Amino acid sequence: MDPVLLQLYARIEAQRYLLEFVFATVLGERSDGLFQAKDIKAKLISMPSQPPTKPLGLDPSESDLLAGLIDEAQIKIMEKVISMLEPAPAPAR
């Protein structure tokens, strides 16, 4: 893999992890944190991203694809946050 792409990927993954951790920590301090996380996820699903309006040199299909990929990434982040907030299952006896 191209070393520059690998470095960019590592940075993005580090930022994603920190975002999930901070989000879960902040919401975890609230009594309704799990509910709030699920509500945020539902709102993200109901309000899809708009294709980028700034000129990125993308044709309309690429712009729509980018918006969809952004939505997918946001949902995955919230799913991870929710999984961090959900109580651990009781151990089997």
PDB file of N, CA and C in Angstrom:
ATOM      1  N   MET A   1       0.851  -1.174   0.000  1.00  0.00           N
ATOM      2  CA  MET A   1       0.000   0.000   0.000  1.00  0.00           C
ATOM      3  C   MET A   1       0.898   1.238   0.000  1.00  0.00           C
ATOM      4  N   ASP A   2       0.421   2.251  -0.635  1.00  0.00           N
ATOM      5  CA  ASP A   2       1.143   3.525  -0.690  1.00  0.00           C
ATOM      6  C   ASP A   2       1.334   4.041   0.744  1.00  0.00           C
ATOM      7  N   PRO A   3       2.574   4.386   1.145  1.00  0.00           N
ATOM      8  CA  PRO A   3       2.830   4.842   2.520  1.00  0.00           C
ATOM      9  C   PRO A   3       2.025   6.086   2.901  1.00  0.00           C
ATOM     10  N   VAL A   4       1.787   6.971   1.946  1.00  0.00           N
ATOM     11  CA  VAL A   4       1.001   8.177   2.245  1.00  0.00           C
ATOM     12  C   VAL A   4      -0.445   7.795   2.550  1.00  0.00           C
ATOM     13  N   LEU A   5      -1.011   6.893   1.745  1.00  0.00           N
ATOM     14  CA  LEU A   5      -2.382   6.440   2.006  1.00  0.00           C
ATOM     15  C   LEU A   5      -2.472   5.697   3.331  1.00  0.00           C
ATOM     16  N   LEU A   6      -1.474   4.909   3.629  1.00  0.00           N
ATOM     17  CA  LEU A   6      -1.454   4.186   4.898  1.00  0.00           C
ATOM     18  C   LEU A   6      -1.424   5.148   6.079  1.00  0.00           C
ATOM     19  N   GLN A   7      -0.617   6.192   5.968  1.00  0.00           N
ATOM     20  CA  GLN A   7      -0.546   7.189   7.032  1.00  0.00           C
ATOM     21  C   GLN A   7      -1.875   7.933   7.174  1.00  0.00           C
ATOM     22  N   LEU A   8      -2.495   8.284   6.056  1.00  0.00           N
ATOM     23  CA  LEU A   8      -3.802   8.955   6.108  1.00  0.00           C
ATOM     24  C   LEU A   8      -4.849   8.053   6.745  1.00  0.00           C
ATOM     25  N   TYR A   9      -4.837   6.787   6.384  1.00  0.00           N
ATOM     26  CA  TYR A   9      -5.785   5.839   6.958  1.00  0.00           C
ATOM     27  C   TYR A   9      -5.588   5.725   8.469  1.00  0.00           C
ATOM     28  N   ALA A  10      -4.336   5.648   8.897  1.00  0.00           N
ATOM     29  CA  ALA A  10      -4.044   5.555  10.333  1.00  0.00           C
ATOM     30  C   ALA A  10      -4.558   6.788  11.068  1.00  0.00           C
ATOM     31  N   ARG A  11      -4.360   7.944  10.493  1.00  0.00           N
ATOM     32  CA  ARG A  11      -4.840   9.183  11.143  1.00  0.00           C
ATOM     33  C   ARG A  11      -6.357   9.213  11.229  1.00  0.00           C
ATOM     34  N   ILE A  12      -7.023   8.814  10.151  1.00  0.00           N
ATOM     35  CA  ILE A  12      -8.487   8.802  10.151  1.00  0.00           C
ATOM     36  C   ILE A  12      -9.006   7.814  11.193  1.00  0.00           C
ATOM     37  N   GLU A  13      -8.396   6.629  11.259  1.00  0.00           N
ATOM     38  CA  GLU A  13      -8.824   5.631  12.242  1.00  0.00           C
ATOM     39  C   GLU A  13      -8.594   6.122  13.669  1.00  0.00           C
ATOM     40  N   ALA A  14      -7.481   6.793  13.912  1.00  0.00           N
ATOM     41  CA  ALA A  14      -7.206   7.334  15.245  1.00  0.00           C
ATOM     42  C   ALA A  14      -8.254   8.385  15.614  1.00  0.00           C
ATOM     43  N   GLN A  15      -8.595   9.241  14.680  1.00  0.00           N
ATOM     44  CA  GLN A  15      -9.604  10.272  14.938  1.00  0.00           C
ATOM     45  C   GLN A  15     -10.976   9.646  15.184  1.00  0.00           C
ATOM     46  N   ARG A  16     -11.304   8.610  14.414  1.00  0.00           N
ATOM     47  CA  ARG A  16     -12.590   7.933  14.594  1.00  0.00           C
ATOM     48  C   ARG A  16     -12.654   7.306  15.982  1.00  0.00           C
ATOM     49  N   TYR A  17     -11.578   6.628  16.383  1.00  0.00           N
ATOM     50  CA  TYR A  17     -11.547   5.995  17.701  1.00  0.00           C
ATOM     51  C   TYR A  17     -11.703   7.036  18.808  1.00  0.00           C
ATOM     52  N   LEU A  18     -10.970   8.127  18.704  1.00  0.00           N
ATOM     53  CA  LEU A  18     -11.066   9.172  19.731  1.00  0.00           C
ATOM     54  C   LEU A  18     -12.457   9.781  19.773  1.00  0.00           C
ATOM     55  N   LEU A  19     -13.072   9.993  18.614  1.00  0.00           N
ATOM     56  CA  LEU A  19     -14.428  10.527  18.569  1.00  0.00           C
ATOM     57  C   LEU A  19     -15.400   9.581  19.262  1.00  0.00           C
ATOM     58  N   GLU A  20     -15.304   8.296  18.952  1.00  0.00           N
ATOM     59  CA  GLU A  20     -16.178   7.314  19.598  1.00  0.00           C
ATOM     60  C   GLU A  20     -15.962   7.306  21.107  1.00  0.00           C
ATOM     61  N   PHE A  21     -14.713   7.306  21.530  1.00  0.00           N
ATOM     62  CA  PHE A  21     -14.391   7.253  22.954  1.00  0.00           C
ATOM     63  C   PHE A  21     -14.919   8.484  23.690  1.00  0.00           C
ATOM     64  N   VAL A  22     -14.681   9.666  23.128  1.00  0.00           N
ATOM     65  CA  VAL A  22     -15.134  10.901  23.777  1.00  0.00           C
ATOM     66  C   VAL A  22     -16.658  10.954  23.806  1.00  0.00           C
ATOM     67  N   PHE A  23     -17.279  10.607  22.683  1.00  0.00           N
ATOM     68  CA  PHE A  23     -18.742  10.617  22.612  1.00  0.00           C
ATOM     69  C   PHE A  23     -19.320   9.671  23.665  1.00  0.00           C
ATOM     70  N   ALA A  24     -18.794   8.453  23.739  1.00  0.00           N
ATOM     71  CA  ALA A  24     -19.295   7.478  24.714  1.00  0.00           C
ATOM     72  C   ALA A  24     -19.030   7.930  26.142  1.00  0.00           C
ATOM     73  N   THR A  25     -17.890   8.559  26.392  1.00  0.00           N
ATOM     74  CA  THR A  25     -17.565   9.042  27.731  1.00  0.00           C
ATOM     75  C   THR A  25     -18.527  10.141  28.163  1.00  0.00           C
ATOM     76  N   VAL A  26     -18.756  11.101  27.277  1.00  0.00           N
ATOM     77  CA  VAL A  26     -19.650  12.219  27.608  1.00  0.00           C
ATOM     78  C   VAL A  26     -21.084  11.719  27.801  1.00  0.00           C
ATOM     79  N   LEU A  27     -21.571  10.906  26.856  1.00  0.00           N
ATOM     80  CA  LEU A  27     -22.936  10.400  26.991  1.00  0.00           C
ATOM     81  C   LEU A  27     -23.059   9.426  28.155  1.00  0.00           C
ATOM     82  N   GLY A  28     -21.984   8.706  28.460  1.00  0.00           N
ATOM     83  CA  GLY A  28     -22.010   7.752  29.561  1.00  0.00           C
ATOM     84  C   GLY A  28     -22.167   8.404  30.920  1.00  0.00           C
ATOM     85  N   GLU A  29     -21.868   9.680  30.999  1.00  0.00           N
ATOM     86  CA  GLU A  29     -22.037  10.407  32.258  1.00  0.00           C
ATOM     87  C   GLU A  29     -23.478  10.870  32.464  1.00  0.00           C
ATOM     88  N   ARG A  30     -24.291  10.717  31.451  1.00  0.00           N
ATOM     89  CA  ARG A  30     -25.703  11.122  31.539  1.00  0.00           C
ATOM     90  C   ARG A  30     -26.555   9.900  31.858  1.00  0.00           C
ATOM     91  N   SER A  31     -27.592  10.100  32.620  1.00  0.00           N
ATOM     92  CA  SER A  31     -28.474   8.979  32.948  1.00  0.00           C
ATOM     93  C   SER A  31     -29.227   8.484  31.714  1.00  0.00           C
ATOM     94  N   ASP A  32     -29.427   9.365  30.736  1.00  0.00           N
ATOM     95  CA  ASP A  32     -30.123   8.993  29.510  1.00  0.00           C
ATOM     96  C   ASP A  32     -29.169   8.893  28.317  1.00  0.00           C
ATOM     97  N   GLY A  33     -27.894   8.645  28.592  1.00  0.00           N
ATOM     98  CA  GLY A  33     -26.873   8.634  27.543  1.00  0.00           C
ATOM     99  C   GLY A  33     -27.142   7.633  26.432  1.00  0.00           C
ATOM    100  N   LEU A  34     -27.556   6.415  26.798  1.00  0.00           N
ATOM    101  CA  LEU A  34     -27.835   5.405  25.785  1.00  0.00           C
ATOM    102  C   LEU A  34     -29.013   5.846  24.922  1.00  0.00           C
ATOM    103  N   PHE A  35     -30.048   6.372  25.551  1.00  0.00           N
ATOM    104  CA  PHE A  35     -31.197   6.878  24.799  1.00  0.00           C
ATOM    105  C   PHE A  35     -30.762   7.996  23.852  1.00  0.00           C
ATOM    106  N   GLN A  36     -29.929   8.911  24.348  1.00  0.00           N
ATOM    107  CA  GLN A  36     -29.466  10.025  23.524  1.00  0.00           C
ATOM    108  C   GLN A  36     -28.661   9.523  22.325  1.00  0.00           C
ATOM    109  N   ALA A  37     -27.803   8.546  22.536  1.00  0.00           N
ATOM    110  CA  ALA A  37     -27.004   7.990  21.439  1.00  0.00           C
ATOM    111  C   ALA A  37     -27.906   7.356  20.384  1.00  0.00           C
ATOM    112  N   LYS A  38     -28.915   6.603  20.835  1.00  0.00           N
ATOM    113  CA  LYS A  38     -29.854   5.987  19.890  1.00  0.00           C
ATOM    114  C   LYS A  38     -30.669   7.048  19.154  1.00  0.00           C
ATOM    115  N   ASP A  39     -31.012   8.118  19.853  1.00  0.00           N
ATOM    116  CA  ASP A  39     -31.756   9.214  19.236  1.00  0.00           C
ATOM    117  C   ASP A  39     -30.909   9.914  18.172  1.00  0.00           C
ATOM    118  N   ILE A  40     -29.650  10.138  18.473  1.00  0.00           N
ATOM    119  CA  ILE A  40     -28.747  10.769  17.497  1.00  0.00           C
ATOM    120  C   ILE A  40     -28.632   9.887  16.262  1.00  0.00           C
ATOM    121  N   LYS A  41     -28.476   8.586  16.466  1.00  0.00           N
ATOM    122  CA  LYS A  41     -28.387   7.664  15.335  1.00  0.00           C
ATOM    123  C   LYS A  41     -29.661   7.730  14.493  1.00  0.00           C
ATOM    124  N   ALA A  42     -30.822   7.729  15.143  1.00  0.00           N
ATOM    125  CA  ALA A  42     -32.087   7.796  14.412  1.00  0.00           C
ATOM    126  C   ALA A  42     -32.201   9.093  13.612  1.00  0.00           C
ATOM    127  N   LYS A  43     -31.751  10.191  14.198  1.00  0.00           N
ATOM    128  CA  LYS A  43     -31.800  11.474  13.487  1.00  0.00           C
ATOM    129  C   LYS A  43     -30.850  11.479  12.292  1.00  0.00           C
ATOM    130  N   LEU A  44     -29.687  10.884  12.445  1.00  0.00           N
ATOM    131  CA  LEU A  44     -28.752  10.800  11.316  1.00  0.00           C
ATOM    132  C   LEU A  44     -29.355   9.982  10.176  1.00  0.00           C
ATOM    133  N   ILE A  45     -30.049   8.903  10.527  1.00  0.00           N
ATOM    134  CA  ILE A  45     -30.681   8.065   9.508  1.00  0.00           C
ATOM    135  C   ILE A  45     -31.804   8.821   8.809  1.00  0.00           C
ATOM    136  N   SER A  46     -32.576   9.583   9.575  1.00  0.00           N
ATOM    137  CA  SER A  46     -33.726  10.284   8.990  1.00  0.00           C
ATOM    138  C   SER A  46     -33.344  11.543   8.224  1.00  0.00           C
ATOM    139  N   MET A  47     -32.135  12.036   8.423  1.00  0.00           N
ATOM    140  CA  MET A  47     -31.695  13.253   7.726  1.00  0.00           C
ATOM    141  C   MET A  47     -30.386  12.968   6.990  1.00  0.00           C
ATOM    142  N   PRO A  48     -30.457  12.300   5.830  1.00  0.00           N
ATOM    143  CA  PRO A  48     -29.222  11.966   5.123  1.00  0.00           C
ATOM    144  C   PRO A  48     -28.424  13.210   4.736  1.00  0.00           C
ATOM    145  N   SER A  49     -27.121  13.015   4.628  1.00  0.00           N
ATOM    146  CA  SER A  49     -26.228  14.111   4.230  1.00  0.00           C
ATOM    147  C   SER A  49     -26.583  14.586   2.832  1.00  0.00           C
ATOM    148  N   GLN A  50     -26.387  15.851   2.611  1.00  0.00           N
ATOM    149  CA  GLN A  50     -26.548  16.404   1.272  1.00  0.00           C
ATOM    150  C   GLN A  50     -25.223  16.266   0.537  1.00  0.00           C
ATOM    151  N   PRO A  51     -25.281  16.043  -0.761  1.00  0.00           N
ATOM    152  CA  PRO A  51     -24.028  15.987  -1.502  1.00  0.00           C
ATOM    153  C   PRO A  51     -23.236  17.276  -1.307  1.00  0.00           C
ATOM    154  N   PRO A  52     -21.920  17.169  -1.287  1.00  0.00           N
ATOM    155  CA  PRO A  52     -21.093  18.366  -1.087  1.00  0.00           C
ATOM    156  C   PRO A  52     -21.416  19.444  -2.115  1.00  0.00           C
ATOM    157  N   THR A  53     -21.477  20.699  -1.642  1.00  0.00           N
ATOM    158  CA  THR A  53     -21.789  21.807  -2.543  1.00  0.00           C
ATOM    159  C   THR A  53     -20.539  22.539  -2.994  1.00  0.00           C
ATOM    160  N   LYS A  54     -19.456  22.375  -2.264  1.00  0.00           N
ATOM    161  CA  LYS A  54     -18.213  23.040  -2.655  1.00  0.00           C
ATOM    162  C   LYS A  54     -17.601  22.292  -3.827  1.00  0.00           C
ATOM    163  N   PRO A  55     -16.966  23.008  -4.702  1.00  0.00           N
ATOM    164  CA  PRO A  55     -16.397  22.344  -5.877  1.00  0.00           C
ATOM    165  C   PRO A  55     -15.220  21.434  -5.516  1.00  0.00           C
ATOM    166  N   LEU A  56     -15.446  20.138  -5.645  1.00  0.00           N
ATOM    167  CA  LEU A  56     -14.388  19.161  -5.394  1.00  0.00           C
ATOM    168  C   LEU A  56     -13.973  18.483  -6.691  1.00  0.00           C
ATOM    169  N   GLY A  57     -14.553  18.933  -7.775  1.00  0.00           N
ATOM    170  CA  GLY A  57     -14.270  18.291  -9.047  1.00  0.00           C
ATOM    171  C   GLY A  57     -14.997  16.968  -9.194  1.00  0.00           C
ATOM    172  N   LEU A  58     -16.076  16.779  -8.430  1.00  0.00           N
ATOM    173  CA  LEU A  58     -16.830  15.534  -8.487  1.00  0.00           C
ATOM    174  C   LEU A  58     -18.007  15.684  -9.443  1.00  0.00           C
ATOM    175  N   ASP A  59     -18.286  14.620 -10.181  1.00  0.00           N
ATOM    176  CA  ASP A  59     -19.507  14.656 -10.986  1.00  0.00           C
ATOM    177  C   ASP A  59     -20.668  14.325 -10.046  1.00  0.00           C
ATOM    178  N   PRO A  60     -21.913  14.509 -10.474  1.00  0.00           N
ATOM    179  CA  PRO A  60     -23.054  14.297  -9.572  1.00  0.00           C
ATOM    180  C   PRO A  60     -23.097  12.902  -8.938  1.00  0.00           C
ATOM    181  N   SER A  61     -22.748  11.871  -9.689  1.00  0.00           N
ATOM    182  CA  SER A  61     -22.803  10.524  -9.107  1.00  0.00           C
ATOM    183  C   SER A  61     -21.728  10.346  -8.038  1.00  0.00           C
ATOM    184  N   GLU A  62     -20.548  10.920  -8.251  1.00  0.00           N
ATOM    185  CA  GLU A  62     -19.490  10.847  -7.239  1.00  0.00           C
ATOM    186  C   GLU A  62     -19.883  11.636  -5.993  1.00  0.00           C
ATOM    187  N   SER A  63     -20.531  12.769  -6.200  1.00  0.00           N
ATOM    188  CA  SER A  63     -20.975  13.591  -5.083  1.00  0.00           C
ATOM    189  C   SER A  63     -22.025  12.852  -4.251  1.00  0.00           C
ATOM    190  N   ASP A  64     -22.955  12.186  -4.934  1.00  0.00           N
ATOM    191  CA  ASP A  64     -23.965  11.392  -4.224  1.00  0.00           C
ATOM    192  C   ASP A  64     -23.317  10.226  -3.481  1.00  0.00           C
ATOM    193  N   LEU A  65     -22.346   9.587  -4.111  1.00  0.00           N
ATOM    194  CA  LEU A  65     -21.637   8.479  -3.472  1.00  0.00           C
ATOM    195  C   LEU A  65     -20.923   8.959  -2.212  1.00  0.00           C
ATOM    196  N   LEU A  66     -20.266  10.111  -2.295  1.00  0.00           N
ATOM    197  CA  LEU A  66     -19.569  10.665  -1.136  1.00  0.00           C
ATOM    198  C   LEU A  66     -20.542  10.934   0.006  1.00  0.00           C
ATOM    199  N   ALA A  67     -21.703  11.512  -0.309  1.00  0.00           N
ATOM    200  CA  ALA A  67     -22.712  11.775   0.727  1.00  0.00           C
ATOM    201  C   ALA A  67     -23.148  10.470   1.382  1.00  0.00           C
ATOM    202  N   GLY A  68     -23.350   9.421   0.583  1.00  0.00           N
ATOM    203  CA  GLY A  68     -23.741   8.128   1.125  1.00  0.00           C
ATOM    204  C   GLY A  68     -22.665   7.514   2.006  1.00  0.00           C
ATOM    205  N   LEU A  69     -21.422   7.655   1.585  1.00  0.00           N
ATOM    206  CA  LEU A  69     -20.314   7.126   2.389  1.00  0.00           C
ATOM    207  C   LEU A  69     -20.180   7.871   3.714  1.00  0.00           C
ATOM    208  N   ILE A  70     -20.418   9.167   3.689  1.00  0.00           N
ATOM    209  CA  ILE A  70     -20.388   9.963   4.929  1.00  0.00           C
ATOM    210  C   ILE A  70     -21.487   9.482   5.868  1.00  0.00           C
ATOM    211  N   ASP A  71     -22.698   9.286   5.321  1.00  0.00           N
ATOM    212  CA  ASP A  71     -23.810   8.787   6.144  1.00  0.00           C
ATOM    213  C   ASP A  71     -23.463   7.437   6.766  1.00  0.00           C
ATOM    214  N   GLU A  72     -22.920   6.540   5.954  1.00  0.00           N
ATOM    215  CA  GLU A  72     -22.557   5.206   6.436  1.00  0.00           C
ATOM    216  C   GLU A  72     -21.534   5.291   7.569  1.00  0.00           C
ATOM    217  N   ALA A  73     -20.544   6.152   7.416  1.00  0.00           N
ATOM    218  CA  ALA A  73     -19.510   6.305   8.446  1.00  0.00           C
ATOM    219  C   ALA A  73     -20.105   6.869   9.740  1.00  0.00           C
ATOM    220  N   GLN A  74     -21.010   7.833   9.618  1.00  0.00           N
ATOM    221  CA  GLN A  74     -21.634   8.418  10.805  1.00  0.00           C
ATOM    222  C   GLN A  74     -22.448   7.376  11.560  1.00  0.00           C
ATOM    223  N   ILE A  75     -23.204   6.559  10.827  1.00  0.00           N
ATOM    224  CA  ILE A  75     -24.020   5.519  11.465  1.00  0.00           C
ATOM    225  C   ILE A  75     -23.117   4.503  12.170  1.00  0.00           C
ATOM    226  N   LYS A  76     -22.025   4.112  11.528  1.00  0.00           N
ATOM    227  CA  LYS A  76     -21.102   3.150  12.152  1.00  0.00           C
ATOM    228  C   LYS A  76     -20.507   3.716  13.438  1.00  0.00           C
ATOM    229  N   ILE A  77     -20.184   4.995  13.436  1.00  0.00           N
ATOM    230  CA  ILE A  77     -19.657   5.624  14.655  1.00  0.00           C
ATOM    231  C   ILE A  77     -20.691   5.562  15.766  1.00  0.00           C
ATOM    232  N   MET A  78     -21.935   5.909  15.448  1.00  0.00           N
ATOM    233  CA  MET A  78     -22.969   5.892  16.482  1.00  0.00           C
ATOM    234  C   MET A  78     -23.265   4.468  16.945  1.00  0.00           C
ATOM    235  N   GLU A  79     -23.197   3.489  16.049  1.00  0.00           N
ATOM    236  CA  GLU A  79     -23.390   2.097  16.463  1.00  0.00           C
ATOM    237  C   GLU A  79     -22.298   1.670  17.445  1.00  0.00           C
ATOM    238  N   LYS A  80     -21.080   2.111  17.202  1.00  0.00           N
ATOM    239  CA  LYS A  80     -19.981   1.785  18.119  1.00  0.00           C
ATOM    240  C   LYS A  80     -20.206   2.468  19.473  1.00  0.00           C
ATOM    241  N   VAL A  81     -20.615   3.741  19.443  1.00  0.00           N
ATOM    242  CA  VAL A  81     -20.889   4.469  20.685  1.00  0.00           C
ATOM    243  C   VAL A  81     -21.986   3.748  21.473  1.00  0.00           C
ATOM    244  N   ILE A  82     -23.051   3.349  20.781  1.00  0.00           N
ATOM    245  CA  ILE A  82     -24.154   2.642  21.439  1.00  0.00           C
ATOM    246  C   ILE A  82     -23.650   1.341  22.061  1.00  0.00           C
ATOM    247  N   SER A  83     -22.817   0.609  21.315  1.00  0.00           N
ATOM    248  CA  SER A  83     -22.303  -0.657  21.867  1.00  0.00           C
ATOM    249  C   SER A  83     -21.420  -0.414  23.084  1.00  0.00           C
ATOM    250  N   MET A  84     -20.739   0.715  23.140  1.00  0.00           N
ATOM    251  CA  MET A  84     -19.898   1.055  24.294  1.00  0.00           C
ATOM    252  C   MET A  84     -20.757   1.428  25.503  1.00  0.00           C
ATOM    253  N   LEU A  85     -21.960   1.940  25.255  1.00  0.00           N
ATOM    254  CA  LEU A  85     -22.824   2.384  26.340  1.00  0.00           C
ATOM    255  C   LEU A  85     -23.756   1.281  26.853  1.00  0.00           C
ATOM    256  N   GLU A  86     -24.030   0.291  26.017  1.00  0.00           N
ATOM    257  CA  GLU A  86     -24.947  -0.765  26.428  1.00  0.00           C
ATOM    258  C   GLU A  86     -24.309  -1.606  27.532  1.00  0.00           C
ATOM    259  N   PRO A  87     -25.134  -2.015  28.487  1.00  0.00           N
ATOM    260  CA  PRO A  87     -24.596  -2.843  29.578  1.00  0.00           C
ATOM    261  C   PRO A  87     -24.068  -4.160  29.023  1.00  0.00           C
ATOM    262  N   ALA A  88     -23.018  -4.635  29.620  1.00  0.00           N
ATOM    263  CA  ALA A  88     -22.450  -5.925  29.221  1.00  0.00           C
ATOM    264  C   ALA A  88     -23.420  -7.033  29.593  1.00  0.00           C
ATOM    265  N   PRO A  89     -23.530  -8.048  28.746  1.00  0.00           N
ATOM    266  CA  PRO A  89     -24.414  -9.162  29.088  1.00  0.00           C
ATOM    267  C   PRO A  89     -23.930  -9.883  30.345  1.00  0.00           C
ATOM    268  N   ALA A  90     -24.865 -10.410  31.083  1.00  0.00           N
ATOM    269  CA  ALA A  90     -24.516 -11.143  32.304  1.00  0.00           C
ATOM    270  C   ALA A  90     -23.761 -12.415  31.924  1.00  0.00           C
ATOM    271  N   PRO A  91     -22.736 -12.754  32.712  1.00  0.00           N
ATOM    272  CA  PRO A  91     -21.982 -13.980  32.413  1.00  0.00           C
ATOM    273  C   PRO A  91     -22.869 -15.212  32.533  1.00  0.00           C
ATOM    274  N   ALA A  92     -22.616 -16.187  31.678  1.00  0.00           N
ATOM    275  CA  ALA A  92     -23.375 -17.446  31.739  1.00  0.00           C
ATOM    276  C   ALA A  92     -22.957 -18.244  32.967  1.00  0.00           C
ATOM    277  N   ARG A  93     -23.889 -18.930  33.535  1.00  0.00           N
ATOM    278  CA  ARG A  93     -23.588 -19.731  34.728  1.00  0.00           C
ATOM    279  C   ARG A  93     -23.408 -21.171  34.377  1.00  0.00           C
TER     280      ARG A  93
END
